[in-house]
Amino acid sequence: FLFNSYYEAAGPRHARPKRGMLTRPSAAEVGAYRAHVDAAM
């Protein structure tokens, strides 16, 4: 939900103008997310 953009077929999404309100997840957790996906890729 948080990181979908305009892919309506993939489900609902957080409003673009409010992305700066997302103090969580942290930048470090986004890094962990990237590492998780990169290992699977």
PDB file of all heavy atoms in Angstrom:
ATOM      1  N   PHE A   1       0.829  -1.206   0.000  1.00  0.00           N
ATOM      2  CA  PHE A   1       0.000   0.000   0.000  1.00  0.00           C
ATOM      3  C   PHE A   1       0.865   1.259   0.000  1.00  0.00           C
ATOM      4  O   PHE A   1       0.625   2.191  -0.768  1.00  0.00           O
ATOM      5  CB  PHE A   1      -0.920  -0.004   1.227  1.00  0.00           C
ATOM      6  CG  PHE A   1      -1.653   1.291   1.438  1.00  0.00           C
ATOM      7  CD1 PHE A   1      -2.746   1.620   0.646  1.00  0.00           C
ATOM      8  CD2 PHE A   1      -1.253   2.186   2.422  1.00  0.00           C
ATOM      9  CE1 PHE A   1      -3.422   2.821   0.832  1.00  0.00           C
ATOM     10  CE2 PHE A   1      -1.926   3.386   2.614  1.00  0.00           C
ATOM     11  CZ  PHE A   1      -3.011   3.705   1.815  1.00  0.00           C
ATOM     12  N   LEU A   2       1.892   1.289   0.842  1.00  0.00           N
ATOM     13  CA  LEU A   2       2.706   2.496   0.993  1.00  0.00           C
ATOM     14  C   LEU A   2       3.505   2.853  -0.257  1.00  0.00           C
ATOM     15  O   LEU A   2       3.699   4.031  -0.549  1.00  0.00           O
ATOM     16  CB  LEU A   2       3.690   2.341   2.163  1.00  0.00           C
ATOM     17  CG  LEU A   2       3.101   2.319   3.560  1.00  0.00           C
ATOM     18  CD1 LEU A   2       4.210   2.123   4.585  1.00  0.00           C
ATOM     19  CD2 LEU A   2       2.315   3.583   3.846  1.00  0.00           C
ATOM     20  N   PHE A   3       3.970   1.846  -0.991  1.00  0.00           N
ATOM     21  CA  PHE A   3       4.934   2.124  -2.051  1.00  0.00           C
ATOM     22  C   PHE A   3       4.438   1.821  -3.455  1.00  0.00           C
ATOM     23  O   PHE A   3       5.186   1.945  -4.422  1.00  0.00           O
ATOM     24  CB  PHE A   3       6.256   1.415  -1.741  1.00  0.00           C
ATOM     25  CG  PHE A   3       6.807   1.846  -0.413  1.00  0.00           C
ATOM     26  CD1 PHE A   3       6.999   0.945   0.616  1.00  0.00           C
ATOM     27  CD2 PHE A   3       7.073   3.186  -0.170  1.00  0.00           C
ATOM     28  CE1 PHE A   3       7.486   1.364   1.852  1.00  0.00           C
ATOM     29  CE2 PHE A   3       7.555   3.618   1.064  1.00  0.00           C
ATOM     30  CZ  PHE A   3       7.762   2.693   2.074  1.00  0.00           C
ATOM     31  N   ASN A   4       3.161   1.468  -3.580  1.00  0.00           N
ATOM     32  CA  ASN A   4       2.534   1.408  -4.892  1.00  0.00           C
ATOM     33  C   ASN A   4       2.441   2.848  -5.382  1.00  0.00           C
ATOM     34  O   ASN A   4       2.355   3.781  -4.597  1.00  0.00           O
ATOM     35  CB  ASN A   4       1.146   0.773  -4.778  1.00  0.00           C
ATOM     36  CG  ASN A   4       0.448   0.576  -6.106  1.00  0.00           C
ATOM     37  OD1 ASN A   4       0.952   0.952  -7.158  1.00  0.00           O
ATOM     38  ND2 ASN A   4      -0.735  -0.015  -6.055  1.00  0.00           N
ATOM     39  N   SER A   5       2.462   3.030  -6.690  1.00  0.00           N
ATOM     40  CA  SER A   5       2.402   4.373  -7.244  1.00  0.00           C
ATOM     41  C   SER A   5       1.106   4.553  -8.007  1.00  0.00           C
ATOM     42  O   SER A   5       0.096   4.936  -7.440  1.00  0.00           O
ATOM     43  CB  SER A   5       3.614   4.619  -8.136  1.00  0.00           C
ATOM     44  OG  SER A   5       3.610   5.920  -8.642  1.00  0.00           O
ATOM     45  N   TYR A   6       1.127   4.257  -9.275  1.00  0.00           N
ATOM     46  CA  TYR A   6      -0.062   4.434 -10.114  1.00  0.00           C
ATOM     47  C   TYR A   6      -0.575   3.103 -10.646  1.00  0.00           C
ATOM     48  O   TYR A   6      -1.355   3.075 -11.564  1.00  0.00           O
ATOM     49  CB  TYR A   6       0.256   5.365 -11.288  1.00  0.00           C
ATOM     50  CG  TYR A   6       0.653   6.730 -10.824  1.00  0.00           C
ATOM     51  CD1 TYR A   6       1.950   7.173 -10.943  1.00  0.00           C
ATOM     52  CD2 TYR A   6      -0.282   7.571 -10.226  1.00  0.00           C
ATOM     53  CE1 TYR A   6       2.320   8.436 -10.502  1.00  0.00           C
ATOM     54  CE2 TYR A   6       0.074   8.826  -9.779  1.00  0.00           C
ATOM     55  CZ  TYR A   6       1.377   9.253  -9.926  1.00  0.00           C
ATOM     56  OH  TYR A   6       1.733  10.496  -9.482  1.00  0.00           O
ATOM     57  N   TYR A   7      -0.137   2.013 -10.078  1.00  0.00           N
ATOM     58  CA  TYR A   7      -0.496   0.689 -10.560  1.00  0.00           C
ATOM     59  C   TYR A   7      -1.819   0.270  -9.926  1.00  0.00           C
ATOM     60  O   TYR A   7      -1.844  -0.488  -8.960  1.00  0.00           O
ATOM     61  CB  TYR A   7       0.618  -0.306 -10.248  1.00  0.00           C
ATOM     62  CG  TYR A   7       1.932   0.075 -10.873  1.00  0.00           C
ATOM     63  CD1 TYR A   7       2.867   0.845 -10.184  1.00  0.00           C
ATOM     64  CD2 TYR A   7       2.243  -0.325 -12.166  1.00  0.00           C
ATOM     65  CE1 TYR A   7       4.070   1.203 -10.763  1.00  0.00           C
ATOM     66  CE2 TYR A   7       3.446   0.032 -12.754  1.00  0.00           C
ATOM     67  CZ  TYR A   7       4.353   0.794 -12.046  1.00  0.00           C
ATOM     68  OH  TYR A   7       5.539   1.151 -12.618  1.00  0.00           O
ATOM     69  N   GLU A   8      -2.923   0.791 -10.449  1.00  0.00           N
ATOM     70  CA  GLU A   8      -4.236   0.528  -9.857  1.00  0.00           C
ATOM     71  C   GLU A   8      -4.558  -0.956  -9.797  1.00  0.00           C
ATOM     72  O   GLU A   8      -5.195  -1.408  -8.854  1.00  0.00           O
ATOM     73  CB  GLU A   8      -5.315   1.298 -10.613  1.00  0.00           C
ATOM     74  CG  GLU A   8      -5.175   2.792 -10.396  1.00  0.00           C
ATOM     75  CD  GLU A   8      -6.335   3.587 -10.946  1.00  0.00           C
ATOM     76  OE1 GLU A   8      -7.434   3.018 -11.077  1.00  0.00           O
ATOM     77  OE2 GLU A   8      -6.123   4.770 -11.232  1.00  0.00           O
ATOM     78  N   ALA A   9      -4.122  -1.714 -10.782  1.00  0.00           N
ATOM     79  CA  ALA A   9      -4.392  -3.150 -10.789  1.00  0.00           C
ATOM     80  C   ALA A   9      -3.669  -3.869  -9.649  1.00  0.00           C
ATOM     81  O   ALA A   9      -4.052  -4.968  -9.262  1.00  0.00           O
ATOM     82  CB  ALA A   9      -3.995  -3.759 -12.129  1.00  0.00           C
ATOM     83  N   ALA A  10      -2.635  -3.238  -9.099  1.00  0.00           N
ATOM     84  CA  ALA A  10      -1.876  -3.849  -8.004  1.00  0.00           C
ATOM     85  C   ALA A  10      -2.457  -3.504  -6.639  1.00  0.00           C
ATOM     86  O   ALA A  10      -1.944  -3.953  -5.623  1.00  0.00           O
ATOM     87  CB  ALA A  10      -0.410  -3.418  -8.078  1.00  0.00           C
ATOM     88  N   GLY A  11      -3.506  -2.688  -6.616  1.00  0.00           N
ATOM     89  CA  GLY A  11      -4.162  -2.394  -5.353  1.00  0.00           C
ATOM     90  C   GLY A  11      -4.128  -0.929  -4.984  1.00  0.00           C
ATOM     91  O   GLY A  11      -3.606  -0.092  -5.712  1.00  0.00           O
ATOM     92  N   PRO A  12      -4.716  -0.624  -3.806  1.00  0.00           N
ATOM     93  CA  PRO A  12      -4.769   0.778  -3.359  1.00  0.00           C
ATOM     94  C   PRO A  12      -3.373   1.283  -3.000  1.00  0.00           C
ATOM     95  O   PRO A  12      -2.433   0.504  -2.835  1.00  0.00           O
ATOM     96  CB  PRO A  12      -5.675   0.719  -2.123  1.00  0.00           C
ATOM     97  CG  PRO A  12      -5.599  -0.677  -1.648  1.00  0.00           C
ATOM     98  CD  PRO A  12      -5.325  -1.541  -2.865  1.00  0.00           C
ATOM     99  N   ARG A  13      -3.263   2.617  -2.855  1.00  0.00           N
ATOM    100  CA  ARG A  13      -1.960   3.208  -2.588  1.00  0.00           C
ATOM    101  C   ARG A  13      -2.109   4.440  -1.705  1.00  0.00           C
ATOM    102  O   ARG A  13      -3.170   5.058  -1.654  1.00  0.00           O
ATOM    103  CB  ARG A  13      -1.267   3.559  -3.889  1.00  0.00           C
ATOM    104  CG  ARG A  13      -2.037   4.536  -4.731  1.00  0.00           C
ATOM    105  CD  ARG A  13      -1.601   4.491  -6.199  1.00  0.00           C
ATOM    106  NE  ARG A  13      -2.402   5.365  -7.007  1.00  0.00           N
ATOM    107  CZ  ARG A  13      -3.586   5.075  -7.522  1.00  0.00           C
ATOM    108  NH1 ARG A  13      -4.124   3.909  -7.295  1.00  0.00           N
ATOM    109  NH2 ARG A  13      -4.240   5.929  -8.255  1.00  0.00           N
ATOM    110  N   HIS A  14      -1.019   4.771  -1.058  1.00  0.00           N
ATOM    111  CA  HIS A  14      -0.932   5.987  -0.240  1.00  0.00           C
ATOM    112  C   HIS A  14      -0.887   7.188  -1.181  1.00  0.00           C
ATOM    113  O   HIS A  14      -0.224   7.153  -2.217  1.00  0.00           O
ATOM    114  CB  HIS A  14       0.340   5.916   0.615  1.00  0.00           C
ATOM    115  CG  HIS A  14       0.500   7.041   1.564  1.00  0.00           C
ATOM    116  ND1 HIS A  14      -0.268   7.179   2.686  1.00  0.00           N
ATOM    117  CD2 HIS A  14       1.355   8.084   1.570  1.00  0.00           C
ATOM    118  CE1 HIS A  14       0.097   8.260   3.347  1.00  0.00           C
ATOM    119  NE2 HIS A  14       1.093   8.838   2.687  1.00  0.00           N
ATOM    120  N   ALA A  15      -1.583   8.260  -0.835  1.00  0.00           N
ATOM    121  CA  ALA A  15      -1.675   9.434  -1.701  1.00  0.00           C
ATOM    122  C   ALA A  15      -0.307  10.084  -1.924  1.00  0.00           C
ATOM    123  O   ALA A  15       0.437  10.307  -0.966  1.00  0.00           O
ATOM    124  CB  ALA A  15      -2.628  10.454  -1.094  1.00  0.00           C
ATOM    125  N   ARG A  16      -0.005  10.369  -3.178  1.00  0.00           N
ATOM    126  CA  ARG A  16       1.287  10.961  -3.537  1.00  0.00           C
ATOM    127  C   ARG A  16       1.613  12.233  -2.754  1.00  0.00           C
ATOM    128  O   ARG A  16       2.740  12.386  -2.263  1.00  0.00           O
ATOM    129  CB  ARG A  16       1.331  11.232  -5.037  1.00  0.00           C
ATOM    130  CG  ARG A  16       2.648  11.822  -5.489  1.00  0.00           C
ATOM    131  CD  ARG A  16       2.647  12.079  -6.966  1.00  0.00           C
ATOM    132  NE  ARG A  16       3.963  12.530  -7.383  1.00  0.00           N
ATOM    133  CZ  ARG A  16       4.316  12.650  -8.638  1.00  0.00           C
ATOM    134  NH1 ARG A  16       3.476  12.346  -9.600  1.00  0.00           N
ATOM    135  NH2 ARG A  16       5.516  13.068  -8.937  1.00  0.00           N
ATOM    136  N   PRO A  17       0.688  13.186  -2.635  1.00  0.00           N
ATOM    137  CA  PRO A  17       1.029  14.422  -1.926  1.00  0.00           C
ATOM    138  C   PRO A  17       1.368  14.231  -0.448  1.00  0.00           C
ATOM    139  O   PRO A  17       1.874  15.142   0.190  1.00  0.00           O
ATOM    140  CB  PRO A  17      -0.233  15.290  -2.067  1.00  0.00           C
ATOM    141  CG  PRO A  17      -0.975  14.716  -3.214  1.00  0.00           C
ATOM    142  CD  PRO A  17      -0.654  13.253  -3.230  1.00  0.00           C
ATOM    143  N   LYS A  18       1.098  13.041   0.093  1.00  0.00           N
ATOM    144  CA  LYS A  18       1.339  12.782   1.517  1.00  0.00           C
ATOM    145  C   LYS A  18       2.515  11.839   1.765  1.00  0.00           C
ATOM    146  O   LYS A  18       2.698  11.372   2.891  1.00  0.00           O
ATOM    147  CB  LYS A  18       0.071  12.226   2.158  1.00  0.00           C
ATOM    148  CG  LYS A  18      -1.066  13.225   2.140  1.00  0.00           C
ATOM    149  CD  LYS A  18      -2.284  12.673   2.819  1.00  0.00           C
ATOM    150  CE  LYS A  18      -3.360  13.756   2.813  1.00  0.00           C
ATOM    151  NZ  LYS A  18      -4.512  13.350   3.597  1.00  0.00           N
ATOM    152  N   ARG A  19       3.331  11.590   0.760  1.00  0.00           N
ATOM    153  CA  ARG A  19       4.462  10.678   0.941  1.00  0.00           C
ATOM    154  C   ARG A  19       5.479  11.212   1.950  1.00  0.00           C
ATOM    155  O   ARG A  19       6.141  10.450   2.641  1.00  0.00           O
ATOM    156  CB  ARG A  19       5.139  10.404  -0.404  1.00  0.00           C
ATOM    157  CG  ARG A  19       4.266   9.578  -1.320  1.00  0.00           C
ATOM    158  CD  ARG A  19       4.878   9.432  -2.695  1.00  0.00           C
ATOM    159  NE  ARG A  19       3.963   8.683  -3.564  1.00  0.00           N
ATOM    160  CZ  ARG A  19       4.076   8.627  -4.874  1.00  0.00           C
ATOM    161  NH1 ARG A  19       5.072   9.247  -5.497  1.00  0.00           N
ATOM    162  NH2 ARG A  19       3.205   7.939  -5.583  1.00  0.00           N
ATOM    163  N   GLY A  20       5.608  12.514   2.042  1.00  0.00           N
ATOM    164  CA  GLY A  20       6.535  13.109   2.998  1.00  0.00           C
ATOM    165  C   GLY A  20       6.088  12.971   4.443  1.00  0.00           C
ATOM    166  O   GLY A  20       6.861  13.257   5.360  1.00  0.00           O
ATOM    167  N   MET A  21       4.867  12.524   4.663  1.00  0.00           N
ATOM    168  CA  MET A  21       4.356  12.304   6.022  1.00  0.00           C
ATOM    169  C   MET A  21       4.776  10.946   6.570  1.00  0.00           C
ATOM    170  O   MET A  21       4.556  10.656   7.743  1.00  0.00           O
ATOM    171  CB  MET A  21       2.822  12.405   6.029  1.00  0.00           C
ATOM    172  CG  MET A  21       2.282  13.745   5.529  1.00  0.00           C
ATOM    173  SD  MET A  21       2.825  15.143   6.522  1.00  0.00           S
ATOM    174  CE  MET A  21       1.908  14.838   8.009  1.00  0.00           C
ATOM    175  N   LEU A  22       5.364  10.124   5.722  1.00  0.00           N
ATOM    176  CA  LEU A  22       5.748   8.769   6.132  1.00  0.00           C
ATOM    177  C   LEU A  22       7.107   8.786   6.837  1.00  0.00           C
ATOM    178  O   LEU A  22       8.147   8.514   6.243  1.00  0.00           O
ATOM    179  CB  LEU A  22       5.812   7.841   4.907  1.00  0.00           C
ATOM    180  CG  LEU A  22       4.509   7.635   4.150  1.00  0.00           C
ATOM    181  CD1 LEU A  22       4.749   6.827   2.883  1.00  0.00           C
ATOM    182  CD2 LEU A  22       3.481   6.957   5.040  1.00  0.00           C
ATOM    183  N   THR A  23       7.091   9.116   8.123  1.00  0.00           N
ATOM    184  CA  THR A  23       8.336   9.048   8.883  1.00  0.00           C
ATOM    185  C   THR A  23       8.716   7.596   9.175  1.00  0.00           C
ATOM    186  O   THR A  23       9.878   7.298   9.438  1.00  0.00           O
ATOM    187  CB  THR A  23       8.224   9.821  10.206  1.00  0.00           C
ATOM    188  OG1 THR A  23       7.169   9.248  10.983  1.00  0.00           O
ATOM    189  CG2 THR A  23       7.957  11.298   9.941  1.00  0.00           C
ATOM    190  N   ARG A  24       7.734   6.723   9.099  1.00  0.00           N
ATOM    191  CA  ARG A  24       7.962   5.286   9.255  1.00  0.00           C
ATOM    192  C   ARG A  24       7.442   4.600   8.010  1.00  0.00           C
ATOM    193  O   ARG A  24       6.411   5.011   7.495  1.00  0.00           O
ATOM    194  CB  ARG A  24       7.235   4.736  10.486  1.00  0.00           C
ATOM    195  CG  ARG A  24       7.534   5.472  11.765  1.00  0.00           C
ATOM    196  CD  ARG A  24       8.831   5.008  12.399  1.00  0.00           C
ATOM    197  NE  ARG A  24       9.207   5.849  13.528  1.00  0.00           N
ATOM    198  CZ  ARG A  24       8.850   5.643  14.784  1.00  0.00           C
ATOM    199  NH1 ARG A  24       8.075   4.635  15.098  1.00  0.00           N
ATOM    200  NH2 ARG A  24       9.261   6.451  15.735  1.00  0.00           N
ATOM    201  N   PRO A  25       8.089   3.632   7.475  1.00  0.00           N
ATOM    202  CA  PRO A  25       9.315   3.019   7.948  1.00  0.00           C
ATOM    203  C   PRO A  25      10.501   3.980   7.831  1.00  0.00           C
ATOM    204  O   PRO A  25      10.480   4.912   7.035  1.00  0.00           O
ATOM    205  CB  PRO A  25       9.495   1.805   7.031  1.00  0.00           C
ATOM    206  CG  PRO A  25       8.846   2.221   5.754  1.00  0.00           C
ATOM    207  CD  PRO A  25       7.683   3.081   6.161  1.00  0.00           C
ATOM    208  N   SER A  26      11.516   3.690   8.611  1.00  0.00           N
ATOM    209  CA  SER A  26      12.721   4.513   8.595  1.00  0.00           C
ATOM    210  C   SER A  26      13.518   4.267   7.310  1.00  0.00           C
ATOM    211  O   SER A  26      13.289   3.275   6.605  1.00  0.00           O
ATOM    212  CB  SER A  26      13.591   4.161   9.803  1.00  0.00           C
ATOM    213  OG  SER A  26      14.089   2.836   9.657  1.00  0.00           O
ATOM    214  N   ALA A  27      14.458   5.138   7.047  1.00  0.00           N
ATOM    215  CA  ALA A  27      15.356   4.931   5.901  1.00  0.00           C
ATOM    216  C   ALA A  27      16.138   3.630   6.074  1.00  0.00           C
ATOM    217  O   ALA A  27      16.385   2.920   5.099  1.00  0.00           O
ATOM    218  CB  ALA A  27      16.304   6.122   5.752  1.00  0.00           C
ATOM    219  N   ALA A  28      16.500   3.304   7.314  1.00  0.00           N
ATOM    220  CA  ALA A  28      17.216   2.047   7.567  1.00  0.00           C
ATOM    221  C   ALA A  28      16.336   0.839   7.261  1.00  0.00           C
ATOM    222  O   ALA A  28      16.811  -0.153   6.691  1.00  0.00           O
ATOM    223  CB  ALA A  28      17.705   1.998   9.016  1.00  0.00           C
ATOM    224  N   GLU A  29      15.046   0.905   7.616  1.00  0.00           N
ATOM    225  CA  GLU A  29      14.157  -0.217   7.311  1.00  0.00           C
ATOM    226  C   GLU A  29      13.945  -0.342   5.805  1.00  0.00           C
ATOM    227  O   GLU A  29      13.846  -1.452   5.279  1.00  0.00           O
ATOM    228  CB  GLU A  29      12.821  -0.105   8.026  1.00  0.00           C
ATOM    229  CG  GLU A  29      11.991  -1.371   7.844  1.00  0.00           C
ATOM    230  CD  GLU A  29      10.711  -1.407   8.658  1.00  0.00           C
ATOM    231  OE1 GLU A  29      10.369  -0.423   9.332  1.00  0.00           O
ATOM    232  OE2 GLU A  29      10.038  -2.460   8.610  1.00  0.00           O
ATOM    233  N   VAL A  30      13.896   0.778   5.098  1.00  0.00           N
ATOM    234  CA  VAL A  30      13.815   0.721   3.633  1.00  0.00           C
ATOM    235  C   VAL A  30      15.069   0.040   3.090  1.00  0.00           C
ATOM    236  O   VAL A  30      14.992  -0.774   2.169  1.00  0.00           O
ATOM    237  CB  VAL A  30      13.601   2.126   3.028  1.00  0.00           C
ATOM    238  CG1 VAL A  30      13.818   2.118   1.516  1.00  0.00           C
ATOM    239  CG2 VAL A  30      12.203   2.639   3.366  1.00  0.00           C
ATOM    240  N   GLY A  31      16.224   0.314   3.679  1.00  0.00           N
ATOM    241  CA  GLY A  31      17.456  -0.379   3.286  1.00  0.00           C
ATOM    242  C   GLY A  31      17.357  -1.876   3.514  1.00  0.00           C
ATOM    243  O   GLY A  31      17.803  -2.677   2.683  1.00  0.00           O
ATOM    244  N   ALA A  32      16.776  -2.287   4.641  1.00  0.00           N
ATOM    245  CA  ALA A  32      16.583  -3.721   4.920  1.00  0.00           C
ATOM    246  C   ALA A  32      15.612  -4.342   3.920  1.00  0.00           C
ATOM    247  O   ALA A  32      15.803  -5.483   3.482  1.00  0.00           O
ATOM    248  CB  ALA A  32      16.087  -3.910   6.354  1.00  0.00           C
ATOM    249  N   TYR A  33      14.579  -3.590   3.557  1.00  0.00           N
ATOM    250  CA  TYR A  33      13.623  -4.050   2.532  1.00  0.00           C
ATOM    251  C   TYR A  33      14.337  -4.271   1.213  1.00  0.00           C
ATOM    252  O   TYR A  33      14.159  -5.310   0.559  1.00  0.00           O
ATOM    253  CB  TYR A  33      12.521  -2.995   2.416  1.00  0.00           C
ATOM    254  CG  TYR A  33      11.446  -3.231   1.375  1.00  0.00           C
ATOM    255  CD1 TYR A  33      10.925  -4.493   1.095  1.00  0.00           C
ATOM    256  CD2 TYR A  33      10.902  -2.137   0.693  1.00  0.00           C
ATOM    257  CE1 TYR A  33       9.907  -4.660   0.163  1.00  0.00           C
ATOM    258  CE2 TYR A  33       9.887  -2.298  -0.233  1.00  0.00           C
ATOM    259  CZ  TYR A  33       9.393  -3.558  -0.497  1.00  0.00           C
ATOM    260  OH  TYR A  33       8.386  -3.722  -1.418  1.00  0.00           O
ATOM    261  N   ARG A  34      15.162  -3.307   0.826  1.00  0.00           N
ATOM    262  CA  ARG A  34      15.909  -3.451  -0.413  1.00  0.00           C
ATOM    263  C   ARG A  34      16.808  -4.684  -0.367  1.00  0.00           C
ATOM    264  O   ARG A  34      16.882  -5.443  -1.330  1.00  0.00           O
ATOM    265  CB  ARG A  34      16.720  -2.181  -0.699  1.00  0.00           C
ATOM    266  CG  ARG A  34      15.838  -1.016  -1.142  1.00  0.00           C
ATOM    267  CD  ARG A  34      16.629   0.250  -1.376  1.00  0.00           C
ATOM    268  NE  ARG A  34      17.587   0.158  -2.447  1.00  0.00           N
ATOM    269  CZ  ARG A  34      17.324   0.387  -3.738  1.00  0.00           C
ATOM    270  NH1 ARG A  34      16.096   0.714  -4.117  1.00  0.00           N
ATOM    271  NH2 ARG A  34      18.276   0.291  -4.640  1.00  0.00           N
ATOM    272  N   ALA A  35      17.487  -4.913   0.749  1.00  0.00           N
ATOM    273  CA  ALA A  35      18.380  -6.075   0.876  1.00  0.00           C
ATOM    274  C   ALA A  35      17.592  -7.380   0.776  1.00  0.00           C
ATOM    275  O   ALA A  35      18.041  -8.347   0.131  1.00  0.00           O
ATOM    276  CB  ALA A  35      19.142  -5.999   2.198  1.00  0.00           C
ATOM    277  N   HIS A  36      16.429  -7.428   1.394  1.00  0.00           N
ATOM    278  CA  HIS A  36      15.570  -8.618   1.351  1.00  0.00           C
ATOM    279  C   HIS A  36      15.174  -8.937  -0.104  1.00  0.00           C
ATOM    280  O   HIS A  36      15.290 -10.075  -0.556  1.00  0.00           O
ATOM    281  CB  HIS A  36      14.330  -8.359   2.212  1.00  0.00           C
ATOM    282  CG  HIS A  36      13.277  -9.405   2.132  1.00  0.00           C
ATOM    283  ND1 HIS A  36      13.316 -10.567   2.874  1.00  0.00           N
ATOM    284  CD2 HIS A  36      12.126  -9.466   1.398  1.00  0.00           C
ATOM    285  CE1 HIS A  36      12.243 -11.292   2.611  1.00  0.00           C
ATOM    286  NE2 HIS A  36      11.504 -10.652   1.711  1.00  0.00           N
ATOM    287  N   VAL A  37      14.713  -7.921  -0.813  1.00  0.00           N
ATOM    288  CA  VAL A  37      14.281  -8.115  -2.201  1.00  0.00           C
ATOM    289  C   VAL A  37      15.482  -8.419  -3.091  1.00  0.00           C
ATOM    290  O   VAL A  37      15.413  -9.287  -3.967  1.00  0.00           O
ATOM    291  CB  VAL A  37      13.478  -6.886  -2.693  1.00  0.00           C
ATOM    292  CG1 VAL A  37      13.302  -6.892  -4.204  1.00  0.00           C
ATOM    293  CG2 VAL A  37      12.122  -6.857  -1.984  1.00  0.00           C
ATOM    294  N   ASP A  38      16.595  -7.744  -2.872  1.00  0.00           N
ATOM    295  CA  ASP A  38      17.787  -7.996  -3.691  1.00  0.00           C
ATOM    296  C   ASP A  38      18.280  -9.435  -3.541  1.00  0.00           C
ATOM    297  O   ASP A  38      18.692 -10.060  -4.528  1.00  0.00           O
ATOM    298  CB  ASP A  38      18.900  -7.004  -3.354  1.00  0.00           C
ATOM    299  CG  ASP A  38      18.603  -5.597  -3.848  1.00  0.00           C
ATOM    300  OD1 ASP A  38      17.662  -5.416  -4.655  1.00  0.00           O
ATOM    301  OD2 ASP A  38      19.317  -4.667  -3.414  1.00  0.00           O
ATOM    302  N   ALA A  39      18.246  -9.973  -2.344  1.00  0.00           N
ATOM    303  CA  ALA A  39      18.666 -11.365  -2.133  1.00  0.00           C
ATOM    304  C   ALA A  39      17.750 -12.320  -2.899  1.00  0.00           C
ATOM    305  O   ALA A  39      18.224 -13.279  -3.534  1.00  0.00           O
ATOM    306  CB  ALA A  39      18.670 -11.704  -0.645  1.00  0.00           C
ATOM    307  N   ALA A  40      16.455 -12.072  -2.858  1.00  0.00           N
ATOM    308  CA  ALA A  40      15.509 -12.922  -3.592  1.00  0.00           C
ATOM    309  C   ALA A  40      15.674 -12.734  -5.099  1.00  0.00           C
ATOM    310  O   ALA A  40      15.585 -13.702  -5.865  1.00  0.00           O
ATOM    311  CB  ALA A  40      14.079 -12.623  -3.151  1.00  0.00           C
ATOM    312  N   MET A  41      15.903 -11.499  -5.553  1.00  0.00           N
ATOM    313  CA  MET A  41      16.121 -11.260  -6.985  1.00  0.00           C
ATOM    314  C   MET A  41      17.400 -11.940  -7.455  1.00  0.00           C
ATOM    315  O   MET A  41      17.455 -12.449  -8.580  1.00  0.00           O
ATOM    316  CB  MET A  41      16.167  -9.755  -7.283  1.00  0.00           C
ATOM    317  CG  MET A  41      14.816  -9.084  -7.313  1.00  0.00           C
ATOM    318  SD  MET A  41      13.705  -9.694  -8.619  1.00  0.00           S
ATOM    319  CE  MET A  41      14.603  -9.220 -10.105  1.00  0.00           C
TER     320      MET A  41
END
